[in-house]
N, C-alpha and C. Protein backbone atom coordinates (compact mmCIF):
# COMPACT_ATOMS: atom_id res chain seq x y z
N UNK A 1 6.65 18.01 -9.16
CA UNK A 1 6.37 17.13 -10.27
C UNK A 1 6.48 15.67 -9.84
N UNK A 2 7.48 15.35 -9.05
CA UNK A 2 7.65 14.00 -8.54
C UNK A 2 6.44 13.58 -7.72
N UNK A 3 5.96 14.48 -6.86
CA UNK A 3 4.82 14.15 -6.02
C UNK A 3 3.56 13.98 -6.83
N UNK A 4 3.33 14.86 -7.82
CA UNK A 4 2.14 14.75 -8.66
C UNK A 4 2.12 13.43 -9.42
N UNK A 5 3.26 13.03 -9.98
CA UNK A 5 3.33 11.75 -10.69
C UNK A 5 3.08 10.58 -9.75
N UNK A 6 3.67 10.65 -8.58
CA UNK A 6 3.51 9.58 -7.61
C UNK A 6 2.05 9.44 -7.19
N UNK A 7 1.40 10.56 -6.92
CA UNK A 7 -0.01 10.51 -6.51
C UNK A 7 -0.92 10.11 -7.67
N UNK A 8 -0.60 10.55 -8.89
CA UNK A 8 -1.42 10.19 -10.05
C UNK A 8 -1.33 8.70 -10.36
N UNK A 9 -0.12 8.14 -10.24
CA UNK A 9 0.07 6.71 -10.52
C UNK A 9 -0.35 5.83 -9.34
N UNK A 10 -0.43 6.42 -8.16
CA UNK A 10 -0.80 5.64 -6.99
C UNK A 10 0.33 4.77 -6.48
N UNK A 11 1.56 5.17 -6.77
CA UNK A 11 2.70 4.38 -6.28
C UNK A 11 3.69 5.30 -5.57
N UNK A 12 4.40 4.71 -4.64
CA UNK A 12 5.40 5.43 -3.85
C UNK A 12 6.77 5.00 -4.34
N UNK A 13 7.62 5.93 -4.79
CA UNK A 13 8.94 5.55 -5.32
C UNK A 13 9.74 4.72 -4.32
N UNK A 14 10.31 3.63 -4.78
CA UNK A 14 11.05 2.73 -3.88
C UNK A 14 12.24 3.42 -3.23
N UNK A 15 12.81 4.42 -3.89
CA UNK A 15 13.94 5.14 -3.31
C UNK A 15 13.54 5.87 -2.02
N UNK A 16 12.27 6.25 -1.94
CA UNK A 16 11.79 6.98 -0.76
C UNK A 16 11.33 6.05 0.35
N UNK A 17 11.30 4.75 0.10
CA UNK A 17 10.85 3.80 1.11
C UNK A 17 11.96 3.40 2.07
N UNK A 18 13.17 3.84 1.81
CA UNK A 18 14.29 3.47 2.66
C UNK A 18 14.32 4.36 3.91
N UNK A 19 14.73 3.74 5.02
CA UNK A 19 14.83 4.48 6.28
C UNK A 19 15.98 3.90 7.10
N UNK A 20 16.48 4.70 7.99
CA UNK A 20 17.50 4.25 8.93
C UNK A 20 16.81 3.97 10.25
N UNK A 21 16.97 2.74 10.75
CA UNK A 21 16.33 2.33 12.00
C UNK A 21 17.41 2.14 13.06
N UNK A 22 17.25 2.85 14.16
CA UNK A 22 18.22 2.75 15.25
C UNK A 22 17.50 2.39 16.54
N UNK A 23 17.89 1.29 17.18
CA UNK A 23 17.25 0.93 18.45
C UNK A 23 17.68 1.89 19.56
N UNK A 24 16.74 2.22 20.42
CA UNK A 24 17.06 3.05 21.58
C UNK A 24 17.24 2.10 22.76
N UNK A 25 18.45 1.99 23.24
CA UNK A 25 18.77 1.04 24.30
C UNK A 25 18.50 1.63 25.68
N UNK A 26 18.00 0.78 26.56
CA UNK A 26 17.84 1.16 27.96
C UNK A 26 19.16 0.97 28.67
N UNK A 27 19.23 1.38 29.91
CA UNK A 27 20.46 1.23 30.68
C UNK A 27 20.85 -0.23 30.84
N UNK A 28 19.85 -1.12 30.89
CA UNK A 28 20.15 -2.54 31.07
C UNK A 28 20.48 -3.24 29.74
N UNK A 29 20.51 -2.49 28.64
CA UNK A 29 20.88 -3.05 27.35
C UNK A 29 19.74 -3.57 26.51
N UNK A 30 18.52 -3.58 27.05
CA UNK A 30 17.37 -4.05 26.27
C UNK A 30 16.82 -2.91 25.43
N UNK A 31 16.17 -3.26 24.34
CA UNK A 31 15.57 -2.24 23.48
C UNK A 31 14.09 -2.11 23.79
N UNK A 32 13.63 -0.91 23.83
CA UNK A 32 12.22 -0.64 24.08
C UNK A 32 11.59 0.05 22.88
N UNK A 33 12.32 0.95 22.29
CA UNK A 33 11.81 1.72 21.16
C UNK A 33 12.86 1.77 20.05
N UNK A 34 12.41 2.12 18.88
CA UNK A 34 13.33 2.32 17.76
C UNK A 34 13.13 3.73 17.20
N UNK A 35 14.20 4.34 16.82
CA UNK A 35 14.17 5.65 16.16
C UNK A 35 14.25 5.39 14.67
N UNK A 36 13.26 5.86 13.93
CA UNK A 36 13.20 5.62 12.49
C UNK A 36 13.37 6.95 11.77
N UNK A 37 14.40 7.05 10.95
CA UNK A 37 14.71 8.27 10.21
C UNK A 37 14.37 8.06 8.73
N UNK A 38 13.31 8.71 8.28
CA UNK A 38 12.91 8.65 6.87
C UNK A 38 13.59 9.79 6.12
N UNK A 39 13.62 9.69 4.81
CA UNK A 39 14.21 10.75 4.01
C UNK A 39 13.32 12.00 4.05
N UNK A 40 13.91 13.13 3.77
CA UNK A 40 13.19 14.40 3.75
C UNK A 40 12.05 14.36 2.73
N UNK A 41 12.33 13.82 1.52
CA UNK A 41 11.31 13.77 0.48
C UNK A 41 10.16 12.86 0.87
N UNK A 42 10.46 11.79 1.58
CA UNK A 42 9.41 10.88 2.05
C UNK A 42 8.48 11.60 3.02
N UNK A 43 9.06 12.35 3.94
CA UNK A 43 8.25 13.11 4.90
C UNK A 43 7.43 14.18 4.20
N UNK A 44 8.03 14.83 3.21
CA UNK A 44 7.33 15.87 2.47
C UNK A 44 6.16 15.30 1.68
N UNK A 45 6.37 14.16 1.02
CA UNK A 45 5.28 13.50 0.28
C UNK A 45 4.16 13.10 1.23
N UNK A 46 4.51 12.64 2.42
CA UNK A 46 3.52 12.27 3.42
C UNK A 46 2.66 13.48 3.80
N UNK A 47 3.29 14.63 3.99
CA UNK A 47 2.56 15.86 4.33
C UNK A 47 1.65 16.31 3.19
N UNK A 48 2.14 16.21 1.95
CA UNK A 48 1.34 16.58 0.79
C UNK A 48 0.11 15.69 0.70
N UNK A 49 0.31 14.38 0.88
CA UNK A 49 -0.81 13.44 0.81
C UNK A 49 -1.81 13.68 1.94
N UNK A 50 -1.30 13.93 3.13
CA UNK A 50 -2.18 14.21 4.26
C UNK A 50 -3.03 15.46 4.01
N UNK A 51 -2.40 16.50 3.46
CA UNK A 51 -3.13 17.75 3.18
C UNK A 51 -4.21 17.52 2.11
N UNK A 52 -3.86 16.78 1.06
CA UNK A 52 -4.84 16.52 0.00
C UNK A 52 -6.01 15.68 0.50
N UNK A 53 -5.72 14.68 1.32
CA UNK A 53 -6.80 13.87 1.88
C UNK A 53 -7.71 14.70 2.77
N UNK A 54 -7.10 15.54 3.61
CA UNK A 54 -7.90 16.38 4.50
C UNK A 54 -8.79 17.33 3.70
N UNK A 55 -8.25 17.93 2.64
CA UNK A 55 -9.04 18.83 1.80
C UNK A 55 -10.18 18.07 1.11
N UNK A 56 -9.90 16.85 0.66
CA UNK A 56 -10.95 16.03 0.02
C UNK A 56 -12.05 15.70 1.02
N UNK A 57 -11.65 15.27 2.23
CA UNK A 57 -12.64 14.93 3.24
C UNK A 57 -13.47 16.15 3.62
N UNK A 58 -12.82 17.29 3.77
CA UNK A 58 -13.52 18.51 4.16
C UNK A 58 -14.47 18.98 3.06
N UNK A 59 -14.01 18.98 1.82
CA UNK A 59 -14.84 19.49 0.72
C UNK A 59 -16.03 18.58 0.42
N UNK A 60 -15.93 17.30 0.75
CA UNK A 60 -17.03 16.36 0.51
C UNK A 60 -17.78 15.98 1.78
N UNK A 61 -17.45 16.66 2.88
CA UNK A 61 -18.11 16.44 4.16
C UNK A 61 -18.12 14.96 4.54
N UNK A 62 -16.96 14.31 4.44
CA UNK A 62 -16.86 12.87 4.69
C UNK A 62 -16.37 12.53 6.10
N UNK A 63 -15.86 13.51 6.83
CA UNK A 63 -15.32 13.24 8.16
C UNK A 63 -16.42 13.39 9.20
N UNK A 64 -16.74 12.30 9.93
CA UNK A 64 -17.76 12.42 10.98
C UNK A 64 -17.31 13.38 12.08
N UNK A 65 -18.25 14.06 12.70
CA UNK A 65 -17.93 15.02 13.75
C UNK A 65 -17.29 14.35 14.95
N UNK A 66 -17.55 13.07 15.14
CA UNK A 66 -17.01 12.36 16.31
C UNK A 66 -15.60 11.84 16.08
N UNK A 67 -15.06 11.99 14.86
CA UNK A 67 -13.70 11.51 14.56
C UNK A 67 -12.68 12.51 15.07
N UNK A 68 -11.78 12.04 15.92
CA UNK A 68 -10.78 12.93 16.49
C UNK A 68 -9.37 12.66 15.97
N UNK A 69 -9.12 11.49 15.45
CA UNK A 69 -7.76 11.11 15.10
C UNK A 69 -7.15 11.87 13.95
N UNK A 70 -7.93 12.32 12.99
CA UNK A 70 -7.39 12.95 11.80
C UNK A 70 -7.75 14.43 11.68
N UNK A 71 -8.48 14.97 12.63
CA UNK A 71 -8.96 16.34 12.52
C UNK A 71 -7.94 17.30 13.12
N UNK A 72 -7.51 18.27 12.33
CA UNK A 72 -6.57 19.27 12.80
C UNK A 72 -7.26 20.22 13.78
N UNK A 73 -6.55 20.62 14.82
CA UNK A 73 -7.02 21.56 15.83
C UNK A 73 -8.26 21.06 16.57
N UNK A 74 -8.42 19.75 16.66
CA UNK A 74 -9.55 19.18 17.36
C UNK A 74 -9.19 19.02 18.82
N UNK A 75 -10.04 19.44 19.69
CA UNK A 75 -9.78 19.35 21.13
C UNK A 75 -10.53 18.15 21.69
N UNK A 76 -9.84 17.33 22.46
CA UNK A 76 -10.45 16.12 23.01
C UNK A 76 -11.66 16.43 23.89
N UNK A 77 -11.70 17.59 24.50
CA UNK A 77 -12.81 17.96 25.34
C UNK A 77 -14.12 18.12 24.58
N UNK A 78 -14.06 18.29 23.28
CA UNK A 78 -15.28 18.41 22.48
C UNK A 78 -16.06 17.11 22.43
N UNK A 79 -15.38 15.99 22.66
CA UNK A 79 -16.02 14.68 22.57
C UNK A 79 -16.90 14.39 23.77
N UNK A 80 -16.66 15.10 24.86
CA UNK A 80 -17.38 14.83 26.11
C UNK A 80 -18.73 15.48 26.11
């Protein structure tokens, strides 16, 4: 129900926008990457939205055959 309301209103609850950011330190003490921990519900909403978008694109034939970034089970060798 929370996800349906969020998607219907087109807004993302501010409570789910919070994340814990932890720098990953190198041996010399400099940071190169950060580890970002989102809430479980935030990740779940992301998956729901991704699935709905993919179904919409597939049902309306909107994804070009040459697009590799968003296509599930797409093999890079197909582009060659």
